[in-house]
Amino acid sequence: MNDNRSTRIWQWAVLPLVVCNMGLLLTIWLKPSHEGPPPGETPRDYLVRMLKMTDEQTKHYDELVKQHQQVMRKLRPEGK
């Protein structure tokens, strides 16, 4: 008799957990994907397009990228 009662309690305890798990899985699967750059578009092109950069801003951005790359080239050997 006691075995039947404990089994019944476990069934009622597990049922809400199963429902919550199914809800979580549905939420994850049906979540809209994040927008990113279309295939074939570089991150630079994506930024320029999304931020609607002017030609002057684009040139300044390119200069900053070059400076960053130069600094990173010097620091990479130290990181190894």
N, C-alpha and C. Protein backbone atom coordinates (compact mmCIF):
# COMPACT_ATOMS: atom_id res chain seq x y z
N MET A 1 0.83 -1.20 0.00
CA MET A 1 0.00 0.00 0.00
C MET A 1 0.86 1.25 0.00
N ASN A 2 1.91 1.26 0.80
CA ASN A 2 2.80 2.39 0.90
C ASN A 2 3.56 2.60 -0.40
N ASP A 3 3.94 1.51 -1.09
CA ASP A 3 4.63 1.61 -2.37
C ASP A 3 3.77 2.31 -3.41
N ASN A 4 2.50 2.00 -3.45
CA ASN A 4 1.57 2.60 -4.41
C ASN A 4 1.44 4.10 -4.17
N ARG A 5 1.41 4.49 -2.92
CA ARG A 5 1.27 5.91 -2.58
C ARG A 5 2.52 6.69 -2.98
N SER A 6 3.70 6.15 -2.71
CA SER A 6 4.94 6.86 -3.05
C SER A 6 5.12 6.94 -4.56
N THR A 7 4.68 5.91 -5.27
CA THR A 7 4.73 5.96 -6.73
C THR A 7 3.82 7.05 -7.25
N ARG A 8 2.66 7.18 -6.69
CA ARG A 8 1.69 8.20 -7.12
C ARG A 8 2.26 9.61 -6.87
N ILE A 9 2.93 9.80 -5.75
CA ILE A 9 3.53 11.10 -5.42
C ILE A 9 4.62 11.44 -6.44
N TRP A 10 5.46 10.46 -6.78
CA TRP A 10 6.52 10.70 -7.75
C TRP A 10 5.95 11.03 -9.12
N GLN A 11 4.86 10.38 -9.50
CA GLN A 11 4.23 10.66 -10.80
C GLN A 11 3.75 12.11 -10.84
N TRP A 12 3.12 12.56 -9.77
CA TRP A 12 2.62 13.95 -9.74
C TRP A 12 3.76 14.96 -9.63
N ALA A 13 4.88 14.55 -9.07
CA ALA A 13 6.04 15.45 -8.95
C ALA A 13 6.78 15.56 -10.29
N VAL A 14 6.83 14.48 -11.04
CA VAL A 14 7.57 14.47 -12.30
C VAL A 14 6.76 15.12 -13.43
N LEU A 15 5.46 15.01 -13.40
CA LEU A 15 4.62 15.56 -14.47
C LEU A 15 4.85 17.05 -14.71
N PRO A 16 4.86 17.92 -13.69
CA PRO A 16 5.14 19.35 -13.97
C PRO A 16 6.55 19.58 -14.52
N LEU A 17 7.51 18.77 -14.09
CA LEU A 17 8.87 18.92 -14.60
C LEU A 17 8.95 18.58 -16.08
N VAL A 18 8.24 17.55 -16.50
CA VAL A 18 8.22 17.17 -17.92
C VAL A 18 7.56 18.28 -18.74
N VAL A 19 6.47 18.84 -18.25
CA VAL A 19 5.78 19.92 -18.96
C VAL A 19 6.69 21.15 -19.06
N CYS A 20 7.40 21.48 -17.97
CA CYS A 20 8.32 22.63 -18.01
C CYS A 20 9.45 22.39 -19.00
N ASN A 21 9.99 21.18 -19.03
CA ASN A 21 11.06 20.87 -19.98
C ASN A 21 10.58 20.99 -21.41
N MET A 22 9.38 20.50 -21.69
CA MET A 22 8.85 20.62 -23.06
C MET A 22 8.66 22.08 -23.44
N GLY A 23 8.18 22.88 -22.49
CA GLY A 23 8.02 24.31 -22.75
C GLY A 23 9.35 24.99 -23.01
N LEU A 24 10.36 24.64 -22.26
CA LEU A 24 11.69 25.21 -22.45
C LEU A 24 12.25 24.83 -23.82
N LEU A 25 12.13 23.57 -24.18
CA LEU A 25 12.63 23.13 -25.49
C LEU A 25 11.90 23.84 -26.63
N LEU A 26 10.60 23.99 -26.52
CA LEU A 26 9.85 24.71 -27.55
C LEU A 26 10.30 26.17 -27.65
N THR A 27 10.54 26.79 -26.51
CA THR A 27 11.00 28.17 -26.51
C THR A 27 12.35 28.30 -27.20
N ILE A 28 13.24 27.37 -26.93
CA ILE A 28 14.57 27.41 -27.55
C ILE A 28 14.48 27.16 -29.04
N TRP A 29 13.70 26.17 -29.45
CA TRP A 29 13.61 25.81 -30.87
C TRP A 29 12.88 26.85 -31.70
N LEU A 30 11.89 27.51 -31.13
CA LEU A 30 11.07 28.44 -31.90
C LEU A 30 11.55 29.88 -31.79
N LYS A 31 12.63 30.12 -31.04
CA LYS A 31 13.16 31.47 -30.87
C LYS A 31 13.68 31.97 -32.22
N PRO A 32 13.36 33.21 -32.59
CA PRO A 32 13.87 33.71 -33.87
C PRO A 32 15.39 33.84 -33.83
N SER A 33 15.99 33.56 -34.96
CA SER A 33 17.45 33.65 -35.02
C SER A 33 17.89 35.11 -35.05
N HIS A 34 19.11 35.34 -34.59
CA HIS A 34 19.65 36.69 -34.58
C HIS A 34 20.04 37.11 -35.99
N GLU A 35 19.79 38.36 -36.29
CA GLU A 35 20.17 38.86 -37.61
C GLU A 35 21.66 39.10 -37.64
N GLY A 36 22.26 38.67 -38.68
CA GLY A 36 23.69 38.86 -38.86
C GLY A 36 23.95 39.26 -40.29
N PRO A 37 25.20 39.38 -40.65
CA PRO A 37 25.50 39.75 -42.02
C PRO A 37 25.08 38.65 -42.98
N PRO A 38 24.54 39.03 -44.12
CA PRO A 38 24.17 38.02 -45.11
C PRO A 38 25.41 37.28 -45.60
N PRO A 39 25.23 36.07 -46.11
CA PRO A 39 26.38 35.31 -46.60
C PRO A 39 27.12 36.09 -47.68
N GLY A 40 28.43 36.09 -47.61
CA GLY A 40 29.25 36.79 -48.60
C GLY A 40 29.57 38.22 -48.22
N GLU A 41 28.92 38.75 -47.18
CA GLU A 41 29.18 40.13 -46.76
C GLU A 41 30.18 40.11 -45.60
N THR A 42 31.18 40.95 -45.68
CA THR A 42 32.19 41.00 -44.62
C THR A 42 31.63 41.74 -43.41
N PRO A 43 32.20 41.49 -42.24
CA PRO A 43 31.76 42.24 -41.06
C PRO A 43 31.91 43.75 -41.26
N ARG A 44 32.96 44.18 -41.97
CA ARG A 44 33.16 45.60 -42.23
C ARG A 44 31.99 46.16 -43.05
N ASP A 45 31.63 45.46 -44.12
CA ASP A 45 30.52 45.92 -44.96
C ASP A 45 29.21 45.96 -44.16
N TYR A 46 29.03 44.97 -43.31
CA TYR A 46 27.83 44.91 -42.48
C TYR A 46 27.75 46.13 -41.55
N LEU A 47 28.87 46.44 -40.89
CA LEU A 47 28.90 47.60 -39.99
C LEU A 47 28.64 48.90 -40.74
N VAL A 48 29.30 49.05 -41.88
CA VAL A 48 29.13 50.28 -42.66
C VAL A 48 27.68 50.43 -43.08
N ARG A 49 27.07 49.34 -43.50
CA ARG A 49 25.68 49.40 -43.96
C ARG A 49 24.71 49.65 -42.80
N MET A 50 24.88 48.90 -41.70
CA MET A 50 23.93 49.01 -40.59
C MET A 50 24.06 50.35 -39.85
N LEU A 51 25.28 50.88 -39.76
CA LEU A 51 25.48 52.15 -39.07
C LEU A 51 25.34 53.35 -40.01
N LYS A 52 25.13 53.06 -41.29
CA LYS A 52 24.96 54.11 -42.30
C LYS A 52 26.10 55.13 -42.23
N MET A 53 27.32 54.59 -42.29
CA MET A 53 28.51 55.44 -42.19
C MET A 53 28.70 56.26 -43.46
N THR A 54 29.17 57.48 -43.27
CA THR A 54 29.54 58.32 -44.41
C THR A 54 30.90 57.86 -44.91
N ASP A 55 31.32 58.41 -46.06
CA ASP A 55 32.63 58.05 -46.61
C ASP A 55 33.76 58.42 -45.64
N GLU A 56 33.61 59.58 -45.00
CA GLU A 56 34.63 60.02 -44.05
C GLU A 56 34.70 59.08 -42.85
N GLN A 57 33.55 58.66 -42.35
CA GLN A 57 33.52 57.74 -41.22
C GLN A 57 34.10 56.38 -41.61
N THR A 58 33.81 55.96 -42.83
CA THR A 58 34.33 54.67 -43.30
C THR A 58 35.85 54.71 -43.39
N LYS A 59 36.41 55.82 -43.90
CA LYS A 59 37.86 55.95 -43.98
C LYS A 59 38.48 55.94 -42.58
N HIS A 60 37.86 56.65 -41.65
CA HIS A 60 38.36 56.69 -40.27
C HIS A 60 38.29 55.28 -39.65
N TYR A 61 37.22 54.57 -39.90
CA TYR A 61 37.07 53.21 -39.40
C TYR A 61 38.18 52.31 -39.96
N ASP A 62 38.44 52.42 -41.25
CA ASP A 62 39.50 51.61 -41.88
C ASP A 62 40.86 51.91 -41.26
N GLU A 63 41.12 53.19 -40.95
CA GLU A 63 42.39 53.56 -40.31
C GLU A 63 42.49 52.93 -38.92
N LEU A 64 41.39 52.97 -38.17
CA LEU A 64 41.39 52.37 -36.84
C LEU A 64 41.63 50.86 -36.91
N VAL A 65 41.05 50.21 -37.91
CA VAL A 65 41.25 48.77 -38.08
C VAL A 65 42.72 48.47 -38.37
N LYS A 66 43.34 49.28 -39.25
CA LYS A 66 44.76 49.08 -39.57
C LYS A 66 45.64 49.25 -38.33
N GLN A 67 45.35 50.29 -37.54
CA GLN A 67 46.12 50.52 -36.31
C GLN A 67 45.96 49.34 -35.36
N HIS A 68 44.75 48.87 -35.23
CA HIS A 68 44.49 47.75 -34.34
C HIS A 68 45.24 46.50 -34.81
N GLN A 69 45.23 46.25 -36.09
CA GLN A 69 45.92 45.07 -36.63
C GLN A 69 47.43 45.16 -36.39
N GLN A 70 47.99 46.36 -36.54
CA GLN A 70 49.43 46.53 -36.31
C GLN A 70 49.78 46.24 -34.85
N VAL A 71 48.97 46.76 -33.94
CA VAL A 71 49.22 46.53 -32.52
C VAL A 71 49.09 45.04 -32.20
N MET A 72 48.08 44.40 -32.75
CA MET A 72 47.86 42.98 -32.47
C MET A 72 48.98 42.12 -33.04
N ARG A 73 49.54 42.48 -34.18
CA ARG A 73 50.66 41.72 -34.75
C ARG A 73 51.87 41.75 -33.82
N LYS A 74 52.08 42.89 -33.17
CA LYS A 74 53.20 43.01 -32.23
C LYS A 74 52.93 42.21 -30.95
N LEU A 75 51.67 42.15 -30.52
CA LEU A 75 51.34 41.50 -29.25
C LEU A 75 51.18 39.98 -29.38
N ARG A 76 50.88 39.48 -30.56
CA ARG A 76 50.65 38.04 -30.74
C ARG A 76 51.83 37.19 -30.29
N PRO A 77 53.06 37.52 -30.67
CA PRO A 77 54.18 36.69 -30.21
C PRO A 77 54.30 36.66 -28.69
N GLU A 78 53.97 37.77 -28.03
CA GLU A 78 54.04 37.80 -26.57
C GLU A 78 53.00 36.87 -25.96
N GLY A 79 51.85 36.74 -26.63
CA GLY A 79 50.79 35.87 -26.12
C GLY A 79 51.12 34.40 -26.26
N LYS A 80 52.00 34.09 -27.21
CA LYS A 80 52.39 32.69 -27.40
C LYS A 80 53.40 32.35 -26.39
